[in-house]
C-alpha cells in the first residue's frame, strides 16, 4: 500500500467516525427542544415571560442540549440516557408552563 493510499484510508475512516455522534439519533428530543425554544420566544413576544424568566429558561434548555451532546459523544444514546434526557425535557417543559402562567408579566 502506498503512503497516499494509506493516508486516504485513514482520513476516510476518521470522517466516518466523526459523523457517528451526529447519527446517534435523538430526533424526538431535537423536535421537543425546538418546540420549547419556540414557546419561550412566544412567551417573551406576548409578554407572558419577563426577560429574566426567559433567560433562566434558556439556560435550562442549554443544559439539556449539553447533556444531549454528552450522551451522543460516544456515538450511542442508550435507552437509559434517552430516558434521562426525556425526563429532563419534561422538567424544562413544566418550568416553561409554570413561568408563562404565573402572575408576572412584562410591562
PDB file of N, CA and C in Angstrom:
ATOM      1  N   UNK A   1       0.839  -1.169   0.000  1.00  0.00           N
ATOM      2  CA  UNK A   1       0.000   0.000   0.000  1.00  0.00           C
ATOM      3  C   UNK A   1       0.893   1.245   0.000  1.00  0.00           C
ATOM      4  N   UNK A   2       0.553   2.177  -0.853  1.00  0.00           N
ATOM      5  CA  UNK A   2       1.360   3.387  -0.918  1.00  0.00           C
ATOM      6  C   UNK A   2       0.994   4.323   0.230  1.00  0.00           C
ATOM      7  N   UNK A   3       1.892   5.270   0.471  1.00  0.00           N
ATOM      8  CA  UNK A   3       1.674   6.216   1.551  1.00  0.00           C
ATOM      9  C   UNK A   3       0.391   7.029   1.355  1.00  0.00           C
ATOM     10  N   UNK A   4       0.145   7.492   0.162  1.00  0.00           N
ATOM     11  CA  UNK A   4      -1.037   8.316  -0.083  1.00  0.00           C
ATOM     12  C   UNK A   4      -2.329   7.499   0.046  1.00  0.00           C
ATOM     13  N   UNK A   5      -2.305   6.230  -0.345  1.00  0.00           N
ATOM     14  CA  UNK A   5      -3.484   5.379  -0.204  1.00  0.00           C
ATOM     15  C   UNK A   5      -3.765   5.111   1.274  1.00  0.00           C
ATOM     16  N   UNK A   6      -2.708   4.884   2.054  1.00  0.00           N
ATOM     17  CA  UNK A   6      -2.878   4.691   3.496  1.00  0.00           C
ATOM     18  C   UNK A   6      -3.466   5.950   4.123  1.00  0.00           C
ATOM     19  N   UNK A   7      -2.916   7.098   3.736  1.00  0.00           N
ATOM     20  CA  UNK A   7      -3.396   8.369   4.284  1.00  0.00           C
ATOM     21  C   UNK A   7      -4.865   8.584   3.934  1.00  0.00           C
ATOM     22  N   UNK A   8      -5.261   8.293   2.688  1.00  0.00           N
ATOM     23  CA  UNK A   8      -6.653   8.458   2.279  1.00  0.00           C
ATOM     24  C   UNK A   8      -7.565   7.508   3.041  1.00  0.00           C
ATOM     25  N   UNK A   9      -7.114   6.293   3.283  1.00  0.00           N
ATOM     26  CA  UNK A   9      -7.902   5.318   4.026  1.00  0.00           C
ATOM     27  C   UNK A   9      -8.112   5.793   5.464  1.00  0.00           C
ATOM     28  N   UNK A  10      -7.059   6.292   6.082  1.00  0.00           N
ATOM     29  CA  UNK A  10      -7.151   6.794   7.449  1.00  0.00           C
ATOM     30  C   UNK A  10      -8.088   7.999   7.511  1.00  0.00           C
ATOM     31  N   UNK A  11      -7.962   8.919   6.558  1.00  0.00           N
ATOM     32  CA  UNK A  11      -8.830  10.094   6.545  1.00  0.00           C
ATOM     33  C   UNK A  11     -10.298   9.709   6.336  1.00  0.00           C
ATOM     34  N   UNK A  12     -10.541   8.734   5.484  1.00  0.00           N
ATOM     35  CA  UNK A  12     -11.915   8.275   5.265  1.00  0.00           C
ATOM     36  C   UNK A  12     -12.481   7.648   6.535  1.00  0.00           C
ATOM     37  N   UNK A  13     -11.662   6.857   7.226  1.00  0.00           N
ATOM     38  CA  UNK A  13     -12.103   6.240   8.481  1.00  0.00           C
ATOM     39  C   UNK A  13     -12.407   7.310   9.529  1.00  0.00           C
ATOM     40  N   UNK A  14     -11.569   8.321   9.612  1.00  0.00           N
ATOM     41  CA  UNK A  14     -11.798   9.403  10.570  1.00  0.00           C
ATOM     42  C   UNK A  14     -13.071  10.177  10.236  1.00  0.00           C
ATOM     43  N   UNK A  15     -13.340  10.361   8.970  1.00  0.00           N
ATOM     44  CA  UNK A  15     -14.559  11.064   8.567  1.00  0.00           C
ATOM     45  C   UNK A  15     -15.796  10.283   8.992  1.00  0.00           C
ATOM     46  N   UNK A  16     -15.757   8.969   8.844  1.00  0.00           N
ATOM     47  CA  UNK A  16     -16.883   8.128   9.265  1.00  0.00           C
ATOM     48  C   UNK A  16     -17.051   8.200  10.771  1.00  0.00           C
ATOM     49  N   UNK A  17     -15.957   8.115  11.499  1.00  0.00           N
ATOM     50  CA  UNK A  17     -16.011   8.165  12.964  1.00  0.00           C
ATOM     51  C   UNK A  17     -16.564   9.508  13.428  1.00  0.00           C
ATOM     52  N   UNK A  18     -16.206  10.570  12.760  1.00  0.00           N
ATOM     53  CA  UNK A  18     -16.662  11.903  13.164  1.00  0.00           C
ATOM     54  C   UNK A  18     -18.159  12.084  12.969  1.00  0.00           C
ATOM     55  N   UNK A  19     -18.765  11.376  12.025  1.00  0.00           N
ATOM     56  CA  UNK A  19     -20.194  11.530  11.781  1.00  0.00           C
ATOM     57  C   UNK A  19     -21.046  10.634  12.665  1.00  0.00           C
ATOM     58  N   UNK A  20     -20.473   9.675  13.340  1.00  0.00           N
ATOM     59  CA  UNK A  20     -21.249   8.755  14.175  1.00  0.00           C
ATOM     60  C   UNK A  20     -22.025   9.475  15.266  1.00  0.00           C
ATOM     61  N   UNK A  21     -21.444  10.400  16.049  1.00  0.00           N
ATOM     62  CA  UNK A  21     -22.243  11.068  17.074  1.00  0.00           C
ATOM     63  C   UNK A  21     -23.449  11.799  16.508  1.00  0.00           C
ATOM     64  N   UNK A  22     -23.320  12.380  15.344  1.00  0.00           N
ATOM     65  CA  UNK A  22     -24.443  13.088  14.744  1.00  0.00           C
ATOM     66  C   UNK A  22     -25.561  12.130  14.365  1.00  0.00           C
ATOM     67  N   UNK A  23     -25.227  10.877  14.133  1.00  0.00           N
ATOM     68  CA  UNK A  23     -26.230   9.896  13.751  1.00  0.00           C
ATOM     69  C   UNK A  23     -26.738   9.118  14.954  1.00  0.00           C
ATOM     70  N   UNK A  24     -26.405   9.531  16.161  1.00  0.00           N
ATOM     71  CA  UNK A  24     -26.768   8.776  17.351  1.00  0.00           C
ATOM     72  C   UNK A  24     -28.278   8.666  17.517  1.00  0.00           C
ATOM     73  N   UNK A  25     -29.033   9.632  17.026  1.00  0.00           N
ATOM     74  CA  UNK A  25     -30.474   9.502  16.962  1.00  0.00           C
ATOM     75  C   UNK A  25     -31.249   9.964  18.175  1.00  0.00           C
ATOM     76  N   UNK A  26     -31.522  11.237  18.242  1.00  0.00           N
ATOM     77  CA  UNK A  26     -32.419  11.777  19.261  1.00  0.00           C
ATOM     78  C   UNK A  26     -33.359  12.761  18.569  1.00  0.00           C
ATOM     79  N   UNK A  27     -33.970  12.321  17.484  1.00  0.00           N
ATOM     80  CA  UNK A  27     -34.790  13.214  16.674  1.00  0.00           C
ATOM     81  C   UNK A  27     -35.999  13.730  17.439  1.00  0.00           C
ATOM     82  N   UNK A  28     -36.661  12.871  18.223  1.00  0.00           N
ATOM     83  CA  UNK A  28     -37.808  13.322  19.010  1.00  0.00           C
ATOM     84  C   UNK A  28     -37.390  14.400  19.996  1.00  0.00           C
ATOM     85  N   UNK A  29     -36.246  14.200  20.624  1.00  0.00           N
ATOM     86  CA  UNK A  29     -35.758  15.180  21.586  1.00  0.00           C
ATOM     87  C   UNK A  29     -35.408  16.491  20.887  1.00  0.00           C
ATOM     88  N   UNK A  30     -34.806  16.415  19.713  1.00  0.00           N
ATOM     89  CA  UNK A  30     -34.476  17.621  18.953  1.00  0.00           C
ATOM     90  C   UNK A  30     -35.744  18.409  18.617  1.00  0.00           C
ATOM     91  N   UNK A  31     -36.811  17.699  18.252  1.00  0.00           N
ATOM     92  CA  UNK A  31     -38.088  18.338  17.942  1.00  0.00           C
ATOM     93  C   UNK A  31     -38.660  19.013  19.180  1.00  0.00           C
ATOM     94  N   UNK A  32     -38.597  18.313  20.311  1.00  0.00           N
ATOM     95  CA  UNK A  32     -39.091  18.884  21.571  1.00  0.00           C
ATOM     96  C   UNK A  32     -38.313  20.143  21.928  1.00  0.00           C
ATOM     97  N   UNK A  33     -36.993  20.100  21.773  1.00  0.00           N
ATOM     98  CA  UNK A  33     -36.171  21.262  22.099  1.00  0.00           C
ATOM     99  C   UNK A  33     -36.559  22.459  21.229  1.00  0.00           C
ATOM    100  N   UNK A  34     -36.793  22.203  19.952  1.00  0.00           N
ATOM    101  CA  UNK A  34     -37.198  23.285  19.049  1.00  0.00           C
ATOM    102  C   UNK A  34     -38.546  23.859  19.477  1.00  0.00           C
ATOM    103  N   UNK A  35     -39.483  22.987  19.850  1.00  0.00           N
ATOM    104  CA  UNK A  35     -40.799  23.455  20.300  1.00  0.00           C
ATOM    105  C   UNK A  35     -40.681  24.269  21.584  1.00  0.00           C
ATOM    106  N   UNK A  36     -39.826  23.832  22.496  1.00  0.00           N
ATOM    107  CA  UNK A  36     -39.665  24.542  23.759  1.00  0.00           C
ATOM    108  C   UNK A  36     -39.009  25.902  23.541  1.00  0.00           C
ATOM    109  N   UNK A  37     -38.036  25.968  22.628  1.00  0.00           N
ATOM    110  CA  UNK A  37     -37.433  27.264  22.293  1.00  0.00           C
ATOM    111  C   UNK A  37     -38.497  28.210  21.716  1.00  0.00           C
ATOM    112  N   UNK A  38     -39.377  27.661  20.868  1.00  0.00           N
ATOM    113  CA  UNK A  38     -40.442  28.470  20.269  1.00  0.00           C
ATOM    114  C   UNK A  38     -41.421  28.950  21.342  1.00  0.00           C
ATOM    115  N   UNK A  39     -41.722  28.107  22.329  1.00  0.00           N
ATOM    116  CA  UNK A  39     -42.620  28.505  23.416  1.00  0.00           C
ATOM    117  C   UNK A  39     -42.017  29.641  24.232  1.00  0.00           C
ATOM    118  N   UNK A  40     -40.715  29.560  24.497  1.00  0.00           N
ATOM    119  CA  UNK A  40     -40.043  30.630  25.241  1.00  0.00           C
ATOM    120  C   UNK A  40     -40.099  31.925  24.430  1.00  0.00           C
ATOM    121  N   UNK A  41     -39.773  31.837  23.144  1.00  0.00           N
ATOM    122  CA  UNK A  41     -39.793  33.016  22.273  1.00  0.00           C
ATOM    123  C   UNK A  41     -41.195  33.628  22.236  1.00  0.00           C
ATOM    124  N   UNK A  42     -42.202  32.790  22.096  1.00  0.00           N
ATOM    125  CA  UNK A  42     -43.586  33.266  22.043  1.00  0.00           C
ATOM    126  C   UNK A  42     -43.959  33.924  23.368  1.00  0.00           C
ATOM    127  N   UNK A  43     -43.505  33.361  24.490  1.00  0.00           N
ATOM    128  CA  UNK A  43     -43.799  33.937  25.796  1.00  0.00           C
ATOM    129  C   UNK A  43     -43.197  35.316  25.974  1.00  0.00           C
ATOM    130  N   UNK A  44     -41.999  35.509  25.458  1.00  0.00           N
ATOM    131  CA  UNK A  44     -41.364  36.823  25.523  1.00  0.00           C
ATOM    132  C   UNK A  44     -42.118  37.800  24.624  1.00  0.00           C
ATOM    133  N   UNK A  45     -42.463  37.338  23.438  1.00  0.00           N
ATOM    134  CA  UNK A  45     -43.136  38.191  22.457  1.00  0.00           C
ATOM    135  C   UNK A  45     -44.490  38.686  22.967  1.00  0.00           C
ATOM    136  N   UNK A  46     -45.227  37.819  23.670  1.00  0.00           N
ATOM    137  CA  UNK A  46     -46.553  38.206  24.157  1.00  0.00           C
ATOM    138  C   UNK A  46     -46.509  38.858  25.530  1.00  0.00           C
ATOM    139  N   UNK A  47     -45.346  38.851  26.177  1.00  0.00           N
ATOM    140  CA  UNK A  47     -45.234  39.452  27.493  1.00  0.00           C
ATOM    141  C   UNK A  47     -45.541  38.491  28.629  1.00  0.00           C
ATOM    142  N   UNK A  48     -45.812  37.227  28.331  1.00  0.00           N
ATOM    143  CA  UNK A  48     -46.084  36.238  29.378  1.00  0.00           C
ATOM    144  C   UNK A  48     -44.827  35.937  30.199  1.00  0.00           C
ATOM    145  N   UNK A  49     -43.665  36.114  29.573  1.00  0.00           N
ATOM    146  CA  UNK A  49     -42.396  35.869  30.255  1.00  0.00           C
ATOM    147  C   UNK A  49     -41.626  37.174  30.383  1.00  0.00           C
ATOM    148  N   UNK A  50     -41.059  37.390  31.559  1.00  0.00           N
ATOM    149  CA  UNK A  50     -40.164  38.527  31.708  1.00  0.00           C
ATOM    150  C   UNK A  50     -38.821  38.127  31.115  1.00  0.00           C
ATOM    151  N   UNK A  51     -37.978  39.086  30.870  1.00  0.00           N
ATOM    152  CA  UNK A  51     -36.661  38.771  30.304  1.00  0.00           C
ATOM    153  C   UNK A  51     -35.822  37.886  31.236  1.00  0.00           C
ATOM    154  N   UNK A  52     -35.808  38.150  32.557  1.00  0.00           N
ATOM    155  CA  UNK A  52     -35.050  37.247  33.431  1.00  0.00           C
ATOM    156  C   UNK A  52     -35.605  35.816  33.439  1.00  0.00           C
ATOM    157  N   UNK A  53     -36.930  35.681  33.379  1.00  0.00           N
ATOM    158  CA  UNK A  53     -37.513  34.338  33.316  1.00  0.00           C
ATOM    159  C   UNK A  53     -37.066  33.634  32.038  1.00  0.00           C
ATOM    160  N   UNK A  54     -37.139  34.346  30.930  1.00  0.00           N
ATOM    161  CA  UNK A  54     -36.741  33.765  29.645  1.00  0.00           C
ATOM    162  C   UNK A  54     -35.273  33.372  29.668  1.00  0.00           C
ATOM    163  N   UNK A  55     -34.437  34.217  30.273  1.00  0.00           N
ATOM    164  CA  UNK A  55     -33.003  33.913  30.353  1.00  0.00           C
ATOM    165  C   UNK A  55     -32.776  32.616  31.132  1.00  0.00           C
ATOM    166  N   UNK A  56     -33.462  32.479  32.275  1.00  0.00           N
ATOM    167  CA  UNK A  56     -33.312  31.251  33.079  1.00  0.00           C
ATOM    168  C   UNK A  56     -33.809  30.032  32.312  1.00  0.00           C
ATOM    169  N   UNK A  57     -34.907  30.176  31.588  1.00  0.00           N
ATOM    170  CA  UNK A  57     -35.430  29.048  30.811  1.00  0.00           C
ATOM    171  C   UNK A  57     -34.473  28.672  29.688  1.00  0.00           C
ATOM    172  N   UNK A  58     -33.855  29.674  29.073  1.00  0.00           N
ATOM    173  CA  UNK A  58     -32.886  29.390  28.007  1.00  0.00           C
ATOM    174  C   UNK A  58     -31.659  28.680  28.555  1.00  0.00           C
ATOM    175  N   UNK A  59     -31.263  29.014  29.775  1.00  0.00           N
ATOM    176  CA  UNK A  59     -30.136  28.322  30.414  1.00  0.00           C
ATOM    177  C   UNK A  59     -30.501  26.853  30.622  1.00  0.00           C
ATOM    178  N   UNK A  60     -31.733  26.596  31.049  1.00  0.00           N
ATOM    179  CA  UNK A  60     -32.187  25.212  31.214  1.00  0.00           C
ATOM    180  C   UNK A  60     -32.174  24.456  29.900  1.00  0.00           C
ATOM    181  N   UNK A  61     -32.592  25.116  28.833  1.00  0.00           N
ATOM    182  CA  UNK A  61     -32.569  24.488  27.511  1.00  0.00           C
ATOM    183  C   UNK A  61     -31.135  24.216  27.063  1.00  0.00           C
ATOM    184  N   UNK A  62     -30.230  25.143  27.365  1.00  0.00           N
ATOM    185  CA  UNK A  62     -28.820  24.948  27.007  1.00  0.00           C
ATOM    186  C   UNK A  62     -28.235  23.770  27.776  1.00  0.00           C
ATOM    187  N   UNK A  63     -28.641  23.621  29.041  1.00  0.00           N
ATOM    188  CA  UNK A  63     -28.176  22.492  29.848  1.00  0.00           C
ATOM    189  C   UNK A  63     -28.670  21.170  29.245  1.00  0.00           C
ATOM    190  N   UNK A  64     -29.920  21.146  28.812  1.00  0.00           N
ATOM    191  CA  UNK A  64     -30.465  19.955  28.165  1.00  0.00           C
ATOM    192  C   UNK A  64     -29.687  19.639  26.893  1.00  0.00           C
ATOM    193  N   UNK A  65     -29.390  20.655  26.101  1.00  0.00           N
ATOM    194  CA  UNK A  65     -28.630  20.472  24.870  1.00  0.00           C
ATOM    195  C   UNK A  65     -27.226  19.937  25.166  1.00  0.00           C
ATOM    196  N   UNK A  66     -26.596  20.464  26.217  1.00  0.00           N
ATOM    197  CA  UNK A  66     -25.266  19.996  26.625  1.00  0.00           C
ATOM    198  C   UNK A  66     -25.317  18.525  27.042  1.00  0.00           C
ATOM    199  N   UNK A  67     -26.323  18.168  27.843  1.00  0.00           N
ATOM    200  CA  UNK A  67     -26.448  16.780  28.279  1.00  0.00           C
ATOM    201  C   UNK A  67     -26.716  15.845  27.100  1.00  0.00           C
ATOM    202  N   UNK A  68     -27.467  16.319  26.121  1.00  0.00           N
ATOM    203  CA  UNK A  68     -27.702  15.526  24.920  1.00  0.00           C
ATOM    204  C   UNK A  68     -26.394  15.302  24.161  1.00  0.00           C
ATOM    205  N   UNK A  69     -25.592  16.355  24.034  1.00  0.00           N
ATOM    206  CA  UNK A  69     -24.301  16.233  23.345  1.00  0.00           C
ATOM    207  C   UNK A  69     -23.388  15.247  24.074  1.00  0.00           C
ATOM    208  N   UNK A  70     -23.401  15.289  25.394  1.00  0.00           N
ATOM    209  CA  UNK A  70     -22.587  14.336  26.175  1.00  0.00           C
ATOM    210  C   UNK A  70     -23.064  12.908  25.950  1.00  0.00           C
ATOM    211  N   UNK A  71     -24.383  12.716  25.872  1.00  0.00           N
ATOM    212  CA  UNK A  71     -24.917  11.374  25.646  1.00  0.00           C
ATOM    213  C   UNK A  71     -24.528  10.867  24.259  1.00  0.00           C
ATOM    214  N   UNK A  72     -24.466  11.764  23.288  1.00  0.00           N
ATOM    215  CA  UNK A  72     -24.115  11.391  21.922  1.00  0.00           C
ATOM    216  C   UNK A  72     -22.618  11.216  21.712  1.00  0.00           C
ATOM    217  N   UNK A  73     -21.810  11.676  22.649  1.00  0.00           N
ATOM    218  CA  UNK A  73     -20.362  11.735  22.457  1.00  0.00           C
ATOM    219  C   UNK A  73     -19.740  10.398  22.092  1.00  0.00           C
ATOM    220  N   UNK A  74     -20.263   9.314  22.648  1.00  0.00           N
ATOM    221  CA  UNK A  74     -19.684   8.007  22.343  1.00  0.00           C
ATOM    222  C   UNK A  74     -20.315   7.366  21.115  1.00  0.00           C
ATOM    223  N   UNK A  75     -21.246   8.072  20.471  1.00  0.00           N
ATOM    224  CA  UNK A  75     -21.849   7.569  19.246  1.00  0.00           C
ATOM    225  C   UNK A  75     -23.114   6.775  19.458  1.00  0.00           C
ATOM    226  N   UNK A  76     -23.456   6.473  20.719  1.00  0.00           N
ATOM    227  CA  UNK A  76     -24.649   5.680  21.017  1.00  0.00           C
ATOM    228  C   UNK A  76     -25.385   6.339  22.172  1.00  0.00           C
ATOM    229  N   UNK A  77     -26.673   6.573  21.983  1.00  0.00           N
ATOM    230  CA  UNK A  77     -27.502   7.062  23.075  1.00  0.00           C
ATOM    231  C   UNK A  77     -28.262   5.845  23.596  1.00  0.00           C
ATOM    232  N   UNK A  78     -27.890   5.407  24.788  1.00  0.00           N
ATOM    233  CA  UNK A  78     -28.505   4.203  25.364  1.00  0.00           C
ATOM    234  C   UNK A  78     -29.939   4.516  25.781  1.00  0.00           C
ATOM    235  N   UNK A  79     -30.761   3.488  25.961  1.00  0.00           N
ATOM    236  CA  UNK A  79     -32.129   3.725  26.432  1.00  0.00           C
ATOM    237  C   UNK A  79     -32.173   4.473  27.770  1.00  0.00           C
ATOM    238  N   UNK A  80     -31.235   4.198  28.659  1.00  0.00           N
ATOM    239  CA  UNK A  80     -31.201   4.903  29.944  1.00  0.00           C
ATOM    240  C   UNK A  80     -30.867   6.377  29.739  1.00  0.00           C
ATOM    241  N   UNK A  81     -29.914   6.672  28.863  1.00  0.00           N
ATOM    242  CA  UNK A  81     -29.567   8.067  28.578  1.00  0.00           C
ATOM    243  C   UNK A  81     -30.752   8.784  27.939  1.00  0.00           C
ATOM    244  N   UNK A  82     -31.409   8.092  27.007  1.00  0.00           N
ATOM    245  CA  UNK A  82     -32.563   8.692  26.321  1.00  0.00           C
ATOM    246  C   UNK A  82     -33.671   9.003  27.328  1.00  0.00           C
ATOM    247  N   UNK A  83     -33.927   8.083  28.248  1.00  0.00           N
ATOM    248  CA  UNK A  83     -34.958   8.299  29.262  1.00  0.00           C
ATOM    249  C   UNK A  83     -34.593   9.483  30.158  1.00  0.00           C
ATOM    250  N   UNK A  84     -33.325   9.581  30.543  1.00  0.00           N
ATOM    251  CA  UNK A  84     -32.867  10.693  31.373  1.00  0.00           C
ATOM    252  C   UNK A  84     -33.058  12.028  30.637  1.00  0.00           C
ATOM    253  N   UNK A  85     -32.730  12.039  29.354  1.00  0.00           N
ATOM    254  CA  UNK A  85     -32.886  13.263  28.560  1.00  0.00           C
ATOM    255  C   UNK A  85     -34.361  13.651  28.433  1.00  0.00           C
ATOM    256  N   UNK A  86     -35.225  12.670  28.215  1.00  0.00           N
ATOM    257  CA  UNK A  86     -36.653  12.976  28.093  1.00  0.00           C
ATOM    258  C   UNK A  86     -37.228  13.452  29.426  1.00  0.00           C
ATOM    259  N   UNK A  87     -36.764  12.883  30.530  1.00  0.00           N
ATOM    260  CA  UNK A  87     -37.210  13.369  31.839  1.00  0.00           C
ATOM    261  C   UNK A  87     -36.773  14.814  32.057  1.00  0.00           C
ATOM    262  N   UNK A  88     -35.548  15.122  31.661  1.00  0.00           N
ATOM    263  CA  UNK A  88     -35.062  16.490  31.779  1.00  0.00           C
ATOM    264  C   UNK A  88     -35.884  17.431  30.899  1.00  0.00           C
ATOM    265  N   UNK A  89     -36.221  16.976  29.686  1.00  0.00           N
ATOM    266  CA  UNK A  89     -37.046  17.791  28.788  1.00  0.00           C
ATOM    267  C   UNK A  89     -38.437  18.000  29.390  1.00  0.00           C
ATOM    268  N   UNK A  90     -38.972  16.981  30.056  1.00  0.00           N
ATOM    269  CA  UNK A  90     -40.273  17.119  30.721  1.00  0.00           C
ATOM    270  C   UNK A  90     -40.210  18.181  31.819  1.00  0.00           C
ATOM    271  N   UNK A  91     -39.140  18.154  32.606  1.00  0.00           N
ATOM    272  CA  UNK A  91     -38.990  19.145  33.675  1.00  0.00           C
ATOM    273  C   UNK A  91     -38.885  20.556  33.094  1.00  0.00           C
ATOM    274  N   UNK A  92     -38.117  20.696  32.016  1.00  0.00           N
ATOM    275  CA  UNK A  92     -37.975  22.017  31.388  1.00  0.00           C
ATOM    276  C   UNK A  92     -39.310  22.493  30.822  1.00  0.00           C
ATOM    277  N   UNK A  93     -40.063  21.586  30.229  1.00  0.00           N
ATOM    278  CA  UNK A  93     -41.368  21.944  29.687  1.00  0.00           C
ATOM    279  C   UNK A  93     -42.295  22.424  30.802  1.00  0.00           C
ATOM    280  N   UNK A  94     -42.266  21.737  31.940  1.00  0.00           N
ATOM    281  CA  UNK A  94     -43.091  22.143  33.077  1.00  0.00           C
ATOM    282  C   UNK A  94     -42.656  23.505  33.601  1.00  0.00           C
ATOM    283  N   UNK A  95     -41.349  23.769  33.618  1.00  0.00           N
ATOM    284  CA  UNK A  95     -40.849  25.073  34.056  1.00  0.00           C
ATOM    285  C   UNK A  95     -41.345  26.183  33.128  1.00  0.00           C
ATOM    286  N   UNK A  96     -41.338  25.899  31.826  1.00  0.00           N
ATOM    287  CA  UNK A  96     -41.832  26.892  30.864  1.00  0.00           C
ATOM    288  C   UNK A  96     -43.306  27.185  31.139  1.00  0.00           C
ATOM    289  N   UNK A  97     -44.088  26.136  31.317  1.00  0.00           N
ATOM    290  CA  UNK A  97     -45.521  26.306  31.588  1.00  0.00           C
ATOM    291  C   UNK A  97     -45.741  27.132  32.856  1.00  0.00           C
ATOM    292  N   UNK A  98     -45.027  26.779  33.914  1.00  0.00           N
ATOM    293  CA  UNK A  98     -45.176  27.488  35.189  1.00  0.00           C
ATOM    294  C   UNK A  98     -44.842  28.964  35.047  1.00  0.00           C
ATOM    295  N   UNK A  99     -43.732  29.264  34.376  1.00  0.00           N
ATOM    296  CA  UNK A  99     -43.316  30.654  34.237  1.00  0.00           C
ATOM    297  C   UNK A  99     -44.257  31.450  33.331  1.00  0.00           C
ATOM    298  N   UNK A 100     -44.799  30.801  32.312  1.00  0.00           N
ATOM    299  CA  UNK A 100     -45.698  31.507  31.402  1.00  0.00           C
ATOM    300  C   UNK A 100     -47.048  31.796  32.055  1.00  0.00           C
ATOM    301  N   UNK A 101     -47.424  30.996  33.043  1.00  0.00           N
ATOM    302  CA  UNK A 101     -48.748  31.142  33.640  1.00  0.00           C
ATOM    303  C   UNK A 101     -48.711  31.691  35.058  1.00  0.00           C
ATOM    304  N   UNK A 102     -47.579  32.249  35.475  1.00  0.00           N
ATOM    305  CA  UNK A 102     -47.559  32.873  36.794  1.00  0.00           C
ATOM    306  C   UNK A 102     -48.095  34.294  36.685  1.00  0.00           C
ATOM    307  N   UNK A 103     -48.161  34.976  37.795  1.00  0.00           N
ATOM    308  CA  UNK A 103     -48.797  36.301  37.830  1.00  0.00           C
ATOM    309  C   UNK A 103     -47.918  37.403  37.217  1.00  0.00           C
ATOM    310  N   UNK A 104     -46.653  37.114  36.980  1.00  0.00           N
ATOM    311  CA  UNK A 104     -45.761  38.136  36.435  1.00  0.00           C
ATOM    312  C   UNK A 104     -45.998  38.313  34.945  1.00  0.00           C
ATOM    313  N   UNK A 105     -45.864  39.521  34.498  1.00  0.00           N
ATOM    314  CA  UNK A 105     -45.843  39.774  33.060  1.00  0.00           C
ATOM    315  C   UNK A 105     -44.924  40.954  32.800  1.00  0.00           C
ATOM    316  N   UNK A 106     -44.519  41.059  31.563  1.00  0.00           N
ATOM    317  CA  UNK A 106     -43.598  42.119  31.175  1.00  0.00           C
ATOM    318  C   UNK A 106     -44.433  43.343  30.753  1.00  0.00           C
ATOM    319  N   UNK A 107     -44.183  44.433  31.363  1.00  0.00           N
ATOM    320  CA  UNK A 107     -44.938  45.659  31.010  1.00  0.00           C
ATOM    321  C   UNK A 107     -44.120  46.585  30.166  1.00  0.00           C
TER     322      UNK A 107
END
